Amino acid sequence: SGTSLIHRLLLGFFITDEFFGITISRKGSVNPYYT
């Protein structure tokens, strides 16, 4: 919930099928730095 808007926008911009697959498969909350 505390993740900044810029991180949320960047994740949405860079999302692809493959990036989504490897990011969503990680345990716990999503860390945008992984993507």
PDB file of all heavy atoms in Angstrom:
ATOM      1  N   SER A   1       0.809  -1.220   0.000  1.00  0.00           N
ATOM      2  CA  SER A   1       0.000   0.000   0.000  1.00  0.00           C
ATOM      3  C   SER A   1       0.845   1.275   0.000  1.00  0.00           C
ATOM      4  O   SER A   1       0.425   2.307  -0.500  1.00  0.00           O
ATOM      5  CB  SER A   1      -0.937   0.004   1.215  1.00  0.00           C
ATOM      6  OG  SER A   1      -0.192  -0.087   2.420  1.00  0.00           O
ATOM      7  N   GLY A   2       2.058   1.212   0.529  1.00  0.00           N
ATOM      8  CA  GLY A   2       2.900   2.406   0.607  1.00  0.00           C
ATOM      9  C   GLY A   2       3.720   2.678  -0.642  1.00  0.00           C
ATOM     10  O   GLY A   2       4.464   3.664  -0.697  1.00  0.00           O
ATOM     11  N   THR A   3       3.625   1.813  -1.654  1.00  0.00           N
ATOM     12  CA  THR A   3       4.409   1.981  -2.877  1.00  0.00           C
ATOM     13  C   THR A   3       3.978   3.254  -3.602  1.00  0.00           C
ATOM     14  O   THR A   3       2.786   3.498  -3.792  1.00  0.00           O
ATOM     15  CB  THR A   3       4.231   0.773  -3.814  1.00  0.00           C
ATOM     16  OG1 THR A   3       4.607  -0.415  -3.119  1.00  0.00           O
ATOM     17  CG2 THR A   3       5.109   0.915  -5.053  1.00  0.00           C
ATOM     18  N   SER A   4       4.948   4.063  -4.018  1.00  0.00           N
ATOM     19  CA  SER A   4       4.650   5.352  -4.636  1.00  0.00           C
ATOM     20  C   SER A   4       3.973   5.197  -6.001  1.00  0.00           C
ATOM     21  O   SER A   4       4.071   4.156  -6.656  1.00  0.00           O
ATOM     22  CB  SER A   4       5.930   6.176  -4.805  1.00  0.00           C
ATOM     23  OG  SER A   4       6.803   5.548  -5.734  1.00  0.00           O
ATOM     24  N   LEU A   5       3.315   6.269  -6.435  1.00  0.00           N
ATOM     25  CA  LEU A   5       2.599   6.273  -7.705  1.00  0.00           C
ATOM     26  C   LEU A   5       3.541   6.050  -8.882  1.00  0.00           C
ATOM     27  O   LEU A   5       3.197   5.354  -9.833  1.00  0.00           O
ATOM     28  CB  LEU A   5       1.851   7.600  -7.881  1.00  0.00           C
ATOM     29  CG  LEU A   5       1.086   7.782  -9.206  1.00  0.00           C
ATOM     30  CD1 LEU A   5      -0.002   6.723  -9.350  1.00  0.00           C
ATOM     31  CD2 LEU A   5       0.484   9.191  -9.269  1.00  0.00           C
ATOM     32  N   ILE A   6       4.750   6.610  -8.813  1.00  0.00           N
ATOM     33  CA  ILE A   6       5.689   6.473  -9.928  1.00  0.00           C
ATOM     34  C   ILE A   6       6.060   5.013 -10.154  1.00  0.00           C
ATOM     35  O   ILE A   6       6.174   4.555 -11.291  1.00  0.00           O
ATOM     36  CB  ILE A   6       6.967   7.329  -9.687  1.00  0.00           C
ATOM     37  CG1 ILE A   6       7.882   7.288 -10.910  1.00  0.00           C
ATOM     38  CG2 ILE A   6       7.702   6.874  -8.440  1.00  0.00           C
ATOM     39  CD1 ILE A   6       7.292   7.867 -12.159  1.00  0.00           C
ATOM     40  N   HIS A   7       6.226   4.252  -9.067  1.00  0.00           N
ATOM     41  CA  HIS A   7       6.525   2.822  -9.201  1.00  0.00           C
ATOM     42  C   HIS A   7       5.348   2.085  -9.837  1.00  0.00           C
ATOM     43  O   HIS A   7       5.537   1.205 -10.684  1.00  0.00           O
ATOM     44  CB  HIS A   7       6.840   2.207  -7.838  1.00  0.00           C
ATOM     45  CG  HIS A   7       8.206   2.531  -7.323  1.00  0.00           C
ATOM     46  ND1 HIS A   7       9.350   2.338  -8.069  1.00  0.00           N
ATOM     47  CD2 HIS A   7       8.616   3.041  -6.127  1.00  0.00           C
ATOM     48  CE1 HIS A   7      10.413   2.695  -7.362  1.00  0.00           C
ATOM     49  NE2 HIS A   7       9.991   3.135  -6.184  1.00  0.00           N
ATOM     50  N   ARG A   8       4.153   2.448  -9.448  1.00  0.00           N
ATOM     51  CA  ARG A   8       2.959   1.808  -9.991  1.00  0.00           C
ATOM     52  C   ARG A   8       2.819   2.098 -11.495  1.00  0.00           C
ATOM     53  O   ARG A   8       2.488   1.205 -12.287  1.00  0.00           O
ATOM     54  CB  ARG A   8       1.713   2.287  -9.239  1.00  0.00           C
ATOM     55  CG  ARG A   8       1.684   1.867  -7.780  1.00  0.00           C
ATOM     56  CD  ARG A   8       0.529   2.494  -7.023  1.00  0.00           C
ATOM     57  NE  ARG A   8       0.538   2.134  -5.610  1.00  0.00           N
ATOM     58  CZ  ARG A   8      -0.043   1.060  -5.110  1.00  0.00           C
ATOM     59  NH1 ARG A   8      -0.721   0.252  -5.903  1.00  0.00           N
ATOM     60  NH2 ARG A   8       0.016   0.797  -3.819  1.00  0.00           N
ATOM     61  N   LEU A   9       3.086   3.338 -11.877  1.00  0.00           N
ATOM     62  CA  LEU A   9       2.991   3.723 -13.286  1.00  0.00           C
ATOM     63  C   LEU A   9       4.062   3.024 -14.125  1.00  0.00           C
ATOM     64  O   LEU A   9       3.793   2.561 -15.240  1.00  0.00           O
ATOM     65  CB  LEU A   9       3.118   5.242 -13.432  1.00  0.00           C
ATOM     66  CG  LEU A   9       1.969   6.078 -12.862  1.00  0.00           C
ATOM     67  CD1 LEU A   9       2.280   7.569 -12.993  1.00  0.00           C
ATOM     68  CD2 LEU A   9       0.660   5.749 -13.571  1.00  0.00           C
ATOM     69  N   LEU A  10       5.268   2.944 -13.582  1.00  0.00           N
ATOM     70  CA  LEU A  10       6.357   2.292 -14.309  1.00  0.00           C
ATOM     71  C   LEU A  10       6.092   0.796 -14.492  1.00  0.00           C
ATOM     72  O   LEU A  10       6.355   0.237 -15.557  1.00  0.00           O
ATOM     73  CB  LEU A  10       7.692   2.504 -13.583  1.00  0.00           C
ATOM     74  CG  LEU A  10       8.291   3.910 -13.683  1.00  0.00           C
ATOM     75  CD1 LEU A  10       9.515   4.024 -12.790  1.00  0.00           C
ATOM     76  CD2 LEU A  10       8.654   4.233 -15.130  1.00  0.00           C
ATOM     77  N   LEU A  11       5.563   0.153 -13.464  1.00  0.00           N
ATOM     78  CA  LEU A  11       5.219  -1.260 -13.580  1.00  0.00           C
ATOM     79  C   LEU A  11       4.169  -1.468 -14.666  1.00  0.00           C
ATOM     80  O   LEU A  11       4.252  -2.402 -15.465  1.00  0.00           O
ATOM     81  CB  LEU A  11       4.700  -1.793 -12.245  1.00  0.00           C
ATOM     82  CG  LEU A  11       5.735  -2.267 -11.229  1.00  0.00           C
ATOM     83  CD1 LEU A  11       5.045  -2.706  -9.946  1.00  0.00           C
ATOM     84  CD2 LEU A  11       6.571  -3.403 -11.792  1.00  0.00           C
ATOM     85  N   GLY A  12       3.164  -0.588 -14.709  1.00  0.00           N
ATOM     86  CA  GLY A  12       2.129  -0.689 -15.725  1.00  0.00           C
ATOM     87  C   GLY A  12       2.671  -0.449 -17.117  1.00  0.00           C
ATOM     88  O   GLY A  12       2.264  -1.105 -18.073  1.00  0.00           O
ATOM     89  N   PHE A  13       3.635   0.475 -17.232  1.00  0.00           N
ATOM     90  CA  PHE A  13       4.202   0.787 -18.543  1.00  0.00           C
ATOM     91  C   PHE A  13       5.046  -0.354 -19.086  1.00  0.00           C
ATOM     92  O   PHE A  13       4.995  -0.683 -20.278  1.00  0.00           O
ATOM     93  CB  PHE A  13       5.054   2.062 -18.460  1.00  0.00           C
ATOM     94  CG  PHE A  13       5.785   2.392 -19.734  1.00  0.00           C
ATOM     95  CD1 PHE A  13       5.116   2.955 -20.807  1.00  0.00           C
ATOM     96  CD2 PHE A  13       7.133   2.121 -19.872  1.00  0.00           C
ATOM     97  CE1 PHE A  13       5.781   3.244 -21.990  1.00  0.00           C
ATOM     98  CE2 PHE A  13       7.813   2.410 -21.039  1.00  0.00           C
ATOM     99  CZ  PHE A  13       7.126   2.975 -22.108  1.00  0.00           C
ATOM    100  N   PHE A  14       5.845  -0.959 -18.219  1.00  0.00           N
ATOM    101  CA  PHE A  14       6.791  -1.980 -18.665  1.00  0.00           C
ATOM    102  C   PHE A  14       6.207  -3.392 -18.709  1.00  0.00           C
ATOM    103  O   PHE A  14       6.900  -4.325 -19.116  1.00  0.00           O
ATOM    104  CB  PHE A  14       8.025  -1.998 -17.758  1.00  0.00           C
ATOM    105  CG  PHE A  14       8.950  -0.834 -17.967  1.00  0.00           C
ATOM    106  CD1 PHE A  14       9.183   0.084 -16.965  1.00  0.00           C
ATOM    107  CD2 PHE A  14       9.590  -0.659 -19.187  1.00  0.00           C
ATOM    108  CE1 PHE A  14      10.035   1.161 -17.154  1.00  0.00           C
ATOM    109  CE2 PHE A  14      10.449   0.411 -19.395  1.00  0.00           C
ATOM    110  CZ  PHE A  14      10.675   1.321 -18.382  1.00  0.00           C
ATOM    111  N   ILE A  15       4.958  -3.551 -18.308  1.00  0.00           N
ATOM    112  CA  ILE A  15       4.417  -4.899 -18.202  1.00  0.00           C
ATOM    113  C   ILE A  15       4.311  -5.581 -19.574  1.00  0.00           C
ATOM    114  O   ILE A  15       3.910  -4.978 -20.569  1.00  0.00           O
ATOM    115  CB  ILE A  15       3.027  -4.867 -17.527  1.00  0.00           C
ATOM    116  CG1 ILE A  15       2.624  -6.280 -17.107  1.00  0.00           C
ATOM    117  CG2 ILE A  15       1.977  -4.278 -18.451  1.00  0.00           C
ATOM    118  CD1 ILE A  15       1.395  -6.287 -16.230  1.00  0.00           C
ATOM    119  N   THR A  16       4.733  -6.815 -19.638  1.00  0.00           N
ATOM    120  CA  THR A  16       4.546  -7.686 -20.801  1.00  0.00           C
ATOM    121  C   THR A  16       4.114  -9.045 -20.261  1.00  0.00           C
ATOM    122  O   THR A  16       4.118  -9.272 -19.048  1.00  0.00           O
ATOM    123  CB  THR A  16       5.846  -7.853 -21.621  1.00  0.00           C
ATOM    124  OG1 THR A  16       6.811  -8.584 -20.840  1.00  0.00           O
ATOM    125  CG2 THR A  16       6.443  -6.506 -22.015  1.00  0.00           C
ATOM    126  N   ASP A  17       3.770  -9.963 -21.151  1.00  0.00           N
ATOM    127  CA  ASP A  17       3.366 -11.297 -20.698  1.00  0.00           C
ATOM    128  C   ASP A  17       4.463 -11.931 -19.846  1.00  0.00           C
ATOM    129  O   ASP A  17       4.200 -12.538 -18.804  1.00  0.00           O
ATOM    130  CB  ASP A  17       3.067 -12.204 -21.894  1.00  0.00           C
ATOM    131  CG  ASP A  17       1.905 -11.696 -22.721  1.00  0.00           C
ATOM    132  OD1 ASP A  17       1.040 -10.989 -22.155  1.00  0.00           O
ATOM    133  OD2 ASP A  17       1.857 -11.983 -23.928  1.00  0.00           O
ATOM    134  N   GLU A  18       5.714 -11.800 -20.315  1.00  0.00           N
ATOM    135  CA  GLU A  18       6.832 -12.456 -19.640  1.00  0.00           C
ATOM    136  C   GLU A  18       7.190 -11.756 -18.330  1.00  0.00           C
ATOM    137  O   GLU A  18       7.428 -12.408 -17.304  1.00  0.00           O
ATOM    138  CB  GLU A  18       8.068 -12.489 -20.556  1.00  0.00           C
ATOM    139  CG  GLU A  18       7.896 -13.370 -21.786  1.00  0.00           C
ATOM    140  CD  GLU A  18       6.952 -12.752 -22.821  1.00  0.00           C
ATOM    141  OE1 GLU A  18       6.939 -11.502 -22.952  1.00  0.00           O
ATOM    142  OE2 GLU A  18       6.239 -13.521 -23.491  1.00  0.00           O
ATOM    143  N   PHE A  19       7.255 -10.422 -18.343  1.00  0.00           N
ATOM    144  CA  PHE A  19       7.561  -9.691 -17.115  1.00  0.00           C
ATOM    145  C   PHE A  19       6.471  -9.914 -16.075  1.00  0.00           C
ATOM    146  O   PHE A  19       6.750 -10.021 -14.877  1.00  0.00           O
ATOM    147  CB  PHE A  19       7.694  -8.188 -17.403  1.00  0.00           C
ATOM    148  CG  PHE A  19       8.912  -7.833 -18.206  1.00  0.00           C
ATOM    149  CD1 PHE A  19       8.929  -6.716 -19.028  1.00  0.00           C
ATOM    150  CD2 PHE A  19      10.057  -8.609 -18.139  1.00  0.00           C
ATOM    151  CE1 PHE A  19      10.048  -6.380 -19.765  1.00  0.00           C
ATOM    152  CE2 PHE A  19      11.189  -8.294 -18.871  1.00  0.00           C
ATOM    153  CZ  PHE A  19      11.182  -7.172 -19.692  1.00  0.00           C
ATOM    154  N   PHE A  20       5.230  -9.960 -16.535  1.00  0.00           N
ATOM    155  CA  PHE A  20       4.129 -10.245 -15.620  1.00  0.00           C
ATOM    156  C   PHE A  20       4.293 -11.634 -15.009  1.00  0.00           C
ATOM    157  O   PHE A  20       4.112 -11.823 -13.805  1.00  0.00           O
ATOM    158  CB  PHE A  20       2.795 -10.152 -16.355  1.00  0.00           C
ATOM    159  CG  PHE A  20       1.612 -10.599 -15.532  1.00  0.00           C
ATOM    160  CD1 PHE A  20       1.061  -9.756 -14.580  1.00  0.00           C
ATOM    161  CD2 PHE A  20       1.058 -11.862 -15.713  1.00  0.00           C
ATOM    162  CE1 PHE A  20      -0.022 -10.169 -13.806  1.00  0.00           C
ATOM    163  CE2 PHE A  20      -0.019 -12.276 -14.957  1.00  0.00           C
ATOM    164  CZ  PHE A  20      -0.565 -11.425 -13.996  1.00  0.00           C
ATOM    165  N   GLY A  21       4.638 -12.612 -15.850  1.00  0.00           N
ATOM    166  CA  GLY A  21       4.768 -13.992 -15.393  1.00  0.00           C
ATOM    167  C   GLY A  21       5.810 -14.155 -14.305  1.00  0.00           C
ATOM    168  O   GLY A  21       5.553 -14.781 -13.265  1.00  0.00           O
ATOM    169  N   ILE A  22       6.999 -13.575 -14.511  1.00  0.00           N
ATOM    170  CA  ILE A  22       8.070 -13.759 -13.523  1.00  0.00           C
ATOM    171  C   ILE A  22       7.834 -12.903 -12.275  1.00  0.00           C
ATOM    172  O   ILE A  22       8.259 -13.267 -11.182  1.00  0.00           O
ATOM    173  CB  ILE A  22       9.458 -13.453 -14.120  1.00  0.00           C
ATOM    174  CG1 ILE A  22       9.560 -11.987 -14.579  1.00  0.00           C
ATOM    175  CG2 ILE A  22       9.775 -14.402 -15.256  1.00  0.00           C
ATOM    176  CD1 ILE A  22      10.945 -11.589 -15.047  1.00  0.00           C
ATOM    177  N   THR A  23       7.147 -11.765 -12.441  1.00  0.00           N
ATOM    178  CA  THR A  23       6.905 -10.886 -11.296  1.00  0.00           C
ATOM    179  C   THR A  23       5.813 -11.433 -10.396  1.00  0.00           C
ATOM    180  O   THR A  23       5.955 -11.467  -9.165  1.00  0.00           O
ATOM    181  CB  THR A  23       6.521  -9.470 -11.774  1.00  0.00           C
ATOM    182  OG1 THR A  23       7.570  -8.938 -12.602  1.00  0.00           O
ATOM    183  CG2 THR A  23       6.307  -8.541 -10.585  1.00  0.00           C
ATOM    184  N   ILE A  24       4.704 -11.863 -10.990  1.00  0.00           N
ATOM    185  CA  ILE A  24       3.567 -12.328 -10.204  1.00  0.00           C
ATOM    186  C   ILE A  24       3.860 -13.664  -9.533  1.00  0.00           C
ATOM    187  O   ILE A  24       3.212 -14.041  -8.543  1.00  0.00           O
ATOM    188  CB  ILE A  24       2.303 -12.457 -11.099  1.00  0.00           C
ATOM    189  CG1 ILE A  24       1.026 -12.378 -10.263  1.00  0.00           C
ATOM    190  CG2 ILE A  24       2.351 -13.738 -11.912  1.00  0.00           C
ATOM    191  CD1 ILE A  24       0.736 -11.029  -9.723  1.00  0.00           C
ATOM    192  N   SER A  25       4.853 -14.406 -10.043  1.00  0.00           N
ATOM    193  CA  SER A  25       5.157 -15.721  -9.481  1.00  0.00           C
ATOM    194  C   SER A  25       6.015 -15.638  -8.214  1.00  0.00           C
ATOM    195  O   SER A  25       6.180 -16.631  -7.510  1.00  0.00           O
ATOM    196  CB  SER A  25       5.883 -16.595 -10.521  1.00  0.00           C
ATOM    197  OG  SER A  25       7.149 -16.038 -10.849  1.00  0.00           O
ATOM    198  N   ARG A  26       6.563 -14.456  -7.912  1.00  0.00           N
ATOM    199  CA  ARG A  26       7.376 -14.301  -6.704  1.00  0.00           C
ATOM    200  C   ARG A  26       6.492 -14.280  -5.459  1.00  0.00           C
ATOM    201  O   ARG A  26       5.361 -13.807  -5.495  1.00  0.00           O
ATOM    202  CB  ARG A  26       8.205 -13.014  -6.781  1.00  0.00           C
ATOM    203  CG  ARG A  26       9.348 -13.110  -7.772  1.00  0.00           C
ATOM    204  CD  ARG A  26      10.033 -11.770  -7.943  1.00  0.00           C
ATOM    205  NE  ARG A  26      10.688 -11.298  -6.732  1.00  0.00           N
ATOM    206  CZ  ARG A  26      11.918 -11.637  -6.357  1.00  0.00           C
ATOM    207  NH1 ARG A  26      12.625 -12.474  -7.105  1.00  0.00           N
ATOM    208  NH2 ARG A  26      12.460 -11.145  -5.245  1.00  0.00           N
ATOM    209  N   LYS A  27       7.015 -14.780  -4.365  1.00  0.00           N
ATOM    210  CA  LYS A  27       6.256 -14.826  -3.126  1.00  0.00           C
ATOM    211  C   LYS A  27       6.209 -13.446  -2.475  1.00  0.00           C
ATOM    212  O   LYS A  27       7.094 -12.619  -2.665  1.00  0.00           O
ATOM    213  CB  LYS A  27       6.881 -15.838  -2.163  1.00  0.00           C
ATOM    214  CG  LYS A  27       6.796 -17.284  -2.643  1.00  0.00           C
ATOM    215  CD  LYS A  27       7.381 -18.224  -1.620  1.00  0.00           C
ATOM    216  CE  LYS A  27       7.260 -19.670  -2.074  1.00  0.00           C
ATOM    217  NZ  LYS A  27       7.825 -20.616  -1.081  1.00  0.00           N
ATOM    218  N   GLY A  28       5.182 -13.229  -1.695  1.00  0.00           N
ATOM    219  CA  GLY A  28       5.050 -11.972  -0.992  1.00  0.00           C
ATOM    220  C   GLY A  28       4.594 -10.847  -1.892  1.00  0.00           C
ATOM    221  O   GLY A  28       4.129 -11.064  -3.010  1.00  0.00           O
ATOM    222  N   SER A  29       4.748  -9.623  -1.413  1.00  0.00           N
ATOM    223  CA  SER A  29       4.326  -8.463  -2.194  1.00  0.00           C
ATOM    224  C   SER A  29       5.304  -8.203  -3.333  1.00  0.00           C
ATOM    225  O   SER A  29       6.474  -8.589  -3.282  1.00  0.00           O
ATOM    226  CB  SER A  29       4.243  -7.229  -1.291  1.00  0.00           C
ATOM    227  OG  SER A  29       5.517  -6.944  -0.731  1.00  0.00           O
ATOM    228  N   VAL A  30       4.817  -7.516  -4.368  1.00  0.00           N
ATOM    229  CA  VAL A  30       5.624  -7.229  -5.545  1.00  0.00           C
ATOM    230  C   VAL A  30       6.607  -6.101  -5.249  1.00  0.00           C
ATOM    231  O   VAL A  30       6.220  -5.042  -4.751  1.00  0.00           O
ATOM    232  CB  VAL A  30       4.715  -6.827  -6.728  1.00  0.00           C
ATOM    233  CG1 VAL A  30       5.550  -6.262  -7.872  1.00  0.00           C
ATOM    234  CG2 VAL A  30       3.909  -8.022  -7.202  1.00  0.00           C
ATOM    235  N   ASN A  31       7.873  -6.343  -5.517  1.00  0.00           N
ATOM    236  CA  ASN A  31       8.892  -5.296  -5.426  1.00  0.00           C
ATOM    237  C   ASN A  31       9.203  -4.847  -6.848  1.00  0.00           C
ATOM    238  O   ASN A  31       9.740  -5.614  -7.648  1.00  0.00           O
ATOM    239  CB  ASN A  31      10.151  -5.840  -4.761  1.00  0.00           C
ATOM    240  CG  ASN A  31      11.176  -4.752  -4.485  1.00  0.00           C
ATOM    241  OD1 ASN A  31      11.257  -3.765  -5.211  1.00  0.00           O
ATOM    242  ND2 ASN A  31      11.969  -4.929  -3.453  1.00  0.00           N
ATOM    243  N   PRO A  32       8.873  -3.590  -7.212  1.00  0.00           N
ATOM    244  CA  PRO A  32       9.078  -3.129  -8.589  1.00  0.00           C
ATOM    245  C   PRO A  32      10.522  -3.202  -9.054  1.00  0.00           C
ATOM    246  O   PRO A  32      10.786  -3.317 -10.253  1.00  0.00           O
ATOM    247  CB  PRO A  32       8.577  -1.679  -8.560  1.00  0.00           C
ATOM    248  CG  PRO A  32       8.564  -1.283  -7.122  1.00  0.00           C
ATOM    249  CD  PRO A  32       8.270  -2.532  -6.368  1.00  0.00           C
ATOM    250  N   TYR A  33      11.471  -3.182  -8.108  1.00  0.00           N
ATOM    251  CA  TYR A  33      12.875  -3.229  -8.495  1.00  0.00           C
ATOM    252  C   TYR A  33      13.239  -4.563  -9.148  1.00  0.00           C
ATOM    253  O   TYR A  33      14.188  -4.640  -9.927  1.00  0.00           O
ATOM    254  CB  TYR A  33      13.769  -2.952  -7.284  1.00  0.00           C
ATOM    255  CG  TYR A  33      13.786  -1.493  -6.889  1.00  0.00           C
ATOM    256  CD1 TYR A  33      12.946  -1.014  -5.885  1.00  0.00           C
ATOM    257  CD2 TYR A  33      14.618  -0.584  -7.535  1.00  0.00           C
ATOM    258  CE1 TYR A  33      12.946   0.321  -5.523  1.00  0.00           C
ATOM    259  CE2 TYR A  33      14.622   0.754  -7.183  1.00  0.00           C
ATOM    260  CZ  TYR A  33      13.783   1.202  -6.186  1.00  0.00           C
ATOM    261  OH  TYR A  33      13.774   2.532  -5.839  1.00  0.00           O
ATOM    262  N   TYR A  34      12.503  -5.605  -8.818  1.00  0.00           N
ATOM    263  CA  TYR A  34      12.740  -6.895  -9.473  1.00  0.00           C
ATOM    264  C   TYR A  34      12.416  -6.786 -10.965  1.00  0.00           C
ATOM    265  O   TYR A  34      13.194  -7.233 -11.818  1.00  0.00           O
ATOM    266  CB  TYR A  34      11.882  -7.985  -8.825  1.00  0.00           C
ATOM    267  CG  TYR A  34      11.920  -9.297  -9.564  1.00  0.00           C
ATOM    268  CD1 TYR A  34      13.013 -10.157  -9.447  1.00  0.00           C
ATOM    269  CD2 TYR A  34      10.869  -9.666 -10.409  1.00  0.00           C
ATOM    270  CE1 TYR A  34      13.052 -11.355 -10.141  1.00  0.00           C
ATOM    271  CE2 TYR A  34      10.904 -10.867 -11.102  1.00  0.00           C
ATOM    272  CZ  TYR A  34      11.999 -11.698 -10.970  1.00  0.00           C
ATOM    273  OH  TYR A  34      12.038 -12.886 -11.665  1.00  0.00           O
ATOM    274  N   THR A  35      11.273  -6.174 -11.271  1.00  0.00           N
ATOM    275  CA  THR A  35      10.886  -5.996 -12.669  1.00  0.00           C
ATOM    276  C   THR A  35      11.849  -5.061 -13.384  1.00  0.00           C
ATOM    277  O   THR A  35      12.192  -5.279 -14.546  1.00  0.00           O
ATOM    278  CB  THR A  35       9.451  -5.434 -12.759  1.00  0.00           C
ATOM    279  OG1 THR A  35       8.581  -6.226 -11.941  1.00  0.00           O
ATOM    280  CG2 THR A  35       8.943  -5.468 -14.194  1.00  0.00           C
TER     281      THR A  35
END
